[in-house]
Protein backbone atom coordinates (compact mmCIF):
# COMPACT_ATOMS: atom_id res chain seq x y z
CA MET A 1 113.41 110.93 109.79
CA ILE A 2 113.37 107.18 108.96
CA ASP A 3 112.48 106.33 105.35
CA LEU A 4 110.67 103.01 105.35
CA TYR A 5 110.66 100.89 102.32
CA TYR A 6 107.68 98.60 102.83
CA TRP A 7 104.95 96.35 101.65
CA PRO A 8 102.30 94.97 104.07
CA THR A 9 103.72 91.54 104.61
CA PRO A 10 104.51 89.87 108.11
CA ASN A 11 108.01 91.05 107.84
CA GLY A 12 106.87 94.53 106.67
CA HIS A 13 104.68 94.79 109.51
CA LYS A 14 107.49 94.25 111.93
CA ALA A 15 109.14 97.49 110.84
CA SER A 16 106.02 99.53 110.71
CA ILE A 17 104.76 98.36 114.18
CA MET A 18 108.16 99.03 115.72
CA LEU A 19 108.27 102.46 114.20
CA GLU A 20 104.80 103.20 115.76
CA GLU A 21 105.95 101.73 119.13
CA SER A 22 109.13 103.77 119.21
CA GLY A 23 107.58 107.10 118.29
CA LEU A 24 110.23 107.86 115.71
CA ASP A 25 109.21 109.92 112.79
CA TYR A 26 108.97 107.95 109.52
CA ARG A 27 107.61 108.10 105.98
CA VAL A 28 106.62 105.16 103.89
CA HIS A 29 107.86 104.23 100.52
CA PRO A 30 105.67 101.50 99.04
CA ILE A 31 107.67 98.61 97.39
CA ASN A 32 104.99 96.70 95.42
CA ILE A 33 106.44 93.19 95.60
CA LEU A 34 103.42 91.92 93.37
CA LYS A 35 104.72 94.17 90.48
CA GLY A 36 108.42 93.64 90.97
CA ASP A 37 109.53 96.95 92.61
CA GLN A 38 111.90 94.96 94.82
CA PHE A 39 114.09 94.34 91.75
CA SER A 40 114.61 98.07 90.91
CA PRO A 41 118.28 99.22 91.08
CA GLU A 42 117.23 102.00 93.51
CA PHE A 43 115.81 99.52 95.96
CA LEU A 44 118.67 97.01 95.54
CA GLU A 45 121.10 99.69 96.58
CA ILE A 46 119.28 99.70 99.95
CA SER A 47 118.34 96.05 100.09
CA PRO A 48 120.68 93.78 97.98
CA ASN A 49 118.72 90.75 98.88
CA ASN A 50 115.48 92.21 97.24
CA ARG A 51 113.44 91.86 100.19
CA ILE A 52 111.27 94.24 102.26
CA PRO A 53 111.42 95.82 104.68
CA ALA A 54 114.38 98.19 104.54
CA ILE A 55 114.98 101.50 106.10
CA VAL A 56 117.23 104.49 105.60
CA ASP A 57 117.74 106.64 108.70
CA GLN A 58 118.58 110.08 107.50
CA THR A 59 120.37 110.82 110.61
CA GLY A 60 122.37 107.70 111.12
CA PRO A 61 125.16 106.89 113.62
CA ASN A 62 127.54 109.44 112.14
CA GLY A 63 124.87 111.96 111.23
CA ASP A 64 124.56 110.61 107.65
CA ALA A 65 121.97 108.60 105.82
CA PHE A 66 122.23 105.04 106.99
CA PRO A 67 120.61 102.21 105.18
CA ILE A 68 119.55 98.79 106.91
CA PHE A 69 117.89 95.69 105.40
CA GLU A 70 116.76 92.48 107.22
CA SER A 71 113.77 92.79 109.55
CA GLY A 72 115.63 91.47 112.65
CA ALA A 73 118.51 93.99 112.27
CA ILE A 74 115.95 96.75 111.67
CA LEU A 75 114.11 96.10 114.94
CA MET A 76 117.50 96.01 116.79
CA TYR A 77 118.54 99.28 115.28
CA LEU A 78 115.21 100.98 116.02
CA ALA A 79 115.24 99.81 119.55
CA GLU A 80 118.83 101.09 120.04
CA LYS A 81 117.84 104.48 118.47
CA SER A 82 114.74 104.94 120.33
CA GLY A 83 115.76 103.21 123.69
CA CYS A 84 112.72 101.11 123.78
CA LEU A 85 111.78 97.41 123.79
CA LEU A 86 115.30 96.08 124.14
CA PRO A 87 116.68 95.88 127.72
CA GLU A 88 120.18 97.08 128.61
CA THR A 89 121.00 94.49 131.29
CA PRO A 90 122.78 91.51 129.66
CA ALA A 91 120.65 88.79 131.05
CA GLU A 92 117.38 90.40 129.92
CA ARG A 93 118.91 91.66 126.68
CA PHE A 94 119.98 88.18 125.61
CA GLN A 95 116.66 86.78 126.57
CA VAL A 96 115.05 89.08 124.17
CA LEU A 97 117.66 88.52 121.39
CA GLN A 98 117.34 84.65 121.53
CA TRP A 99 113.60 85.00 121.08
CA LEU A 100 114.19 87.47 118.33
CA PHE A 101 116.42 85.08 116.62
CA PHE A 102 113.98 82.23 117.16
CA GLN A 103 111.47 84.28 115.03
CA VAL A 104 113.98 85.11 112.35
CA GLY A 105 115.43 81.61 112.10
CA ASN A 106 112.29 79.55 112.80
CA VAL A 107 108.92 81.17 112.87
CA GLY A 108 109.36 83.27 109.70
CA PRO A 109 110.87 80.57 107.38
CA MET A 110 108.69 77.72 108.56
CA PHE A 111 105.42 79.66 108.61
CA GLY A 112 106.32 81.16 105.24
CA GLN A 113 106.98 77.75 103.66
CA CYS A 114 103.70 76.38 105.23
CA GLY A 115 101.74 79.32 103.85
CA HIS A 116 103.44 78.81 100.48
CA PHE A 117 102.78 75.11 100.05
CA LEU A 118 99.22 75.20 101.41
CA GLY A 119 98.17 78.46 99.82
CA TYR A 120 100.35 79.43 96.83
CA ALA A 121 102.15 76.45 95.31
CA PRO A 122 100.87 75.87 91.71
CA GLU A 123 100.22 72.14 92.48
CA PRO A 124 99.99 70.13 95.67
CA VAL A 125 103.11 68.83 97.12
CA PRO A 126 101.90 66.43 99.97
CA TYR A 127 105.33 65.96 101.55
CA ALA A 128 106.04 69.63 101.70
CA MET A 129 102.55 70.46 102.95
CA LYS A 130 102.69 67.98 105.85
CA ARG A 131 106.34 68.78 106.68
CA TYR A 132 105.87 72.49 106.95
CA GLN A 133 102.40 72.40 108.58
CA ASP A 134 103.83 69.90 111.26
CA GLU A 135 106.78 72.28 111.95
CA THR A 136 104.41 75.25 112.20
CA ARG A 137 102.17 73.38 114.65
CA ARG A 138 105.36 72.46 116.55
CA LEU A 139 106.45 76.06 116.84
CA TYR A 140 102.92 77.09 117.97
CA GLY A 141 103.39 74.55 120.83
CA VAL A 142 106.82 75.93 121.72
CA MET A 143 105.50 79.46 122.10
CA ASP A 144 102.31 78.25 123.84
CA GLY A 145 104.51 76.52 126.41
CA VAL A 146 106.78 79.50 127.36
CA LEU A 147 103.69 81.81 127.44
CA GLY A 148 102.28 79.52 130.11
CA GLU A 149 105.34 80.70 132.23
CA ARG A 150 105.30 84.44 131.48
CA PRO A 151 103.27 87.09 129.73
CA TYR A 152 105.54 87.75 126.85
CA LEU A 153 107.89 85.62 124.84
CA ALA A 154 111.12 86.98 126.37
CA GLY A 155 109.83 87.60 129.93
CA ASP A 156 107.71 89.86 131.84
CA SER A 157 107.95 92.84 129.51
CA TYR A 158 106.88 93.48 125.83
CA SER A 159 109.93 93.52 123.62
CA ILE A 160 111.16 93.45 119.99
CA ALA A 161 110.72 89.60 120.29
CA ASP A 162 106.94 90.09 120.49
CA VAL A 163 107.01 92.85 117.65
CA ALA A 164 108.85 90.35 115.34
CA THR A 165 106.66 87.35 116.09
CA TYR A 166 103.16 88.87 116.12
CA PRO A 167 102.82 89.64 112.50
CA TRP A 168 103.28 86.00 111.58
CA LEU A 169 100.32 85.14 113.72
CA MET A 170 97.86 87.84 112.57
CA PRO A 171 94.50 86.28 111.44
CA ARG A 172 95.10 86.76 107.67
CA VAL A 173 98.44 84.96 108.00
CA ARG A 174 97.19 82.20 110.29
CA GLN A 175 94.44 81.17 107.95
CA LEU A 176 97.04 79.70 105.59
CA HIS A 177 98.32 77.47 108.26
CA GLU A 178 94.93 75.66 108.42
CA MET A 179 95.13 75.29 112.19
CA THR A 180 93.02 76.36 115.20
CA ILE A 181 94.89 78.81 117.48
CA GLU A 182 92.35 78.16 120.15
CA ASP A 183 94.12 74.69 120.51
CA PHE A 184 97.04 76.80 121.92
CA PRO A 185 95.18 78.92 124.49
CA ARG A 186 98.23 80.78 126.01
CA LEU A 187 99.40 81.74 122.37
CA HIS A 188 95.93 82.83 121.53
CA ASP A 189 95.70 84.99 124.65
CA TRP A 190 99.20 86.58 123.76
CA VAL A 191 98.04 87.30 120.15
CA THR A 192 94.84 88.96 121.51
CA ARG A 193 96.77 91.18 123.86
CA ILE A 194 99.34 92.26 121.31
CA ALA A 195 96.65 92.89 118.74
CA ALA A 196 94.94 95.34 121.25
CA ARG A 197 97.95 97.68 121.48
CA PRO A 198 97.33 100.99 119.76
CA ALA A 199 100.82 101.08 118.18
CA VAL A 200 100.40 97.57 116.79
CA GLN A 201 97.01 98.59 115.34
CA ARG A 202 98.55 101.71 113.73
CA GLY A 203 101.55 99.73 112.34
CA SER A 204 99.41 97.00 110.96
CA ALA A 205 97.15 99.47 109.18
CA VAL A 206 99.90 100.88 107.00
CA LEU A 207 98.88 100.11 103.49
CA ALA A 208 96.18 97.86 104.69
CA ASP A 209 94.20 98.32 101.62
CA VAL A 210 96.70 96.36 99.43
CA MET A 211 97.69 93.74 102.01
CA LYS A 212 95.89 90.75 100.52
CA ILE A 213 97.70 88.77 97.79
CA GLY A 214 94.72 86.44 97.18
CA ASP A 215 95.22 84.34 94.06
CA PRO A 216 98.25 85.83 92.42
CA THR A 217 98.26 87.03 88.84
CA ASP A 218 100.97 85.59 86.53
CA GLU A 219 102.89 88.90 86.94
CA ALA A 220 102.68 88.62 90.69
CA ARG A 221 103.57 84.93 90.85
CA GLU A 222 106.67 85.61 88.74
CA ALA A 223 107.71 88.57 90.99
CA LEU A 224 107.17 86.55 94.16
CA PHE A 225 108.27 83.06 93.20
CA GLY A 226 109.60 83.00 89.70
CA GLN A 227 113.04 83.15 87.98
CA ARG A 228 113.63 86.74 88.64
CA GLN A 229 114.25 85.80 92.43
CA MET A 230 117.10 83.61 91.19
CA ASP A 231 118.82 85.91 88.69
CA ARG A 232 122.26 87.14 89.73
CA ARG A 233 122.36 90.95 90.41
């Protein structure tokens, strides 16, 4: 059994979608990041960086409970455990891993900053808005280019690289980028195909009723962006 510590953010969806794709048994523990659950001592024992998602595999590598934080590491672990969506041959495997790291190091941070400065910053910061929107547009173009050569980010087969990247291009996330995905037709086609997968639909639906942040309350803004993020633990 996998215990999933989760809130329905793009990074959270990576784990829930992968659990659905893998067929592994799991149970969900909501971590309400709008109310500060991520700072609880119990959660920090599992995820010391106070970020979701995190998992605890109750039958880990040595048969003991095994916690993992960081969404990219979670995807790799679940792929290894289930034997799916991560090839075994070195060339194919590293093709997938480089696109997984592309998401972790580029898509997530840049799209996240774009969404923050365009949608949640308390006052406009024109330089930051342009900087991160331009970089988001550039990354759309990178993906659109490679998807003109192959059906999935890392090649001919769906993989954890696609699982990692799709949640950052879901409609509710894209709207914060203030761009038109139809300007990137191959990327748009890829998003449509991934969204149609039953496991993706199930994973995206986990806690769907609480997924929208909207206009954050003072409590939510402090939990998400305030000094509590900076306090030493």
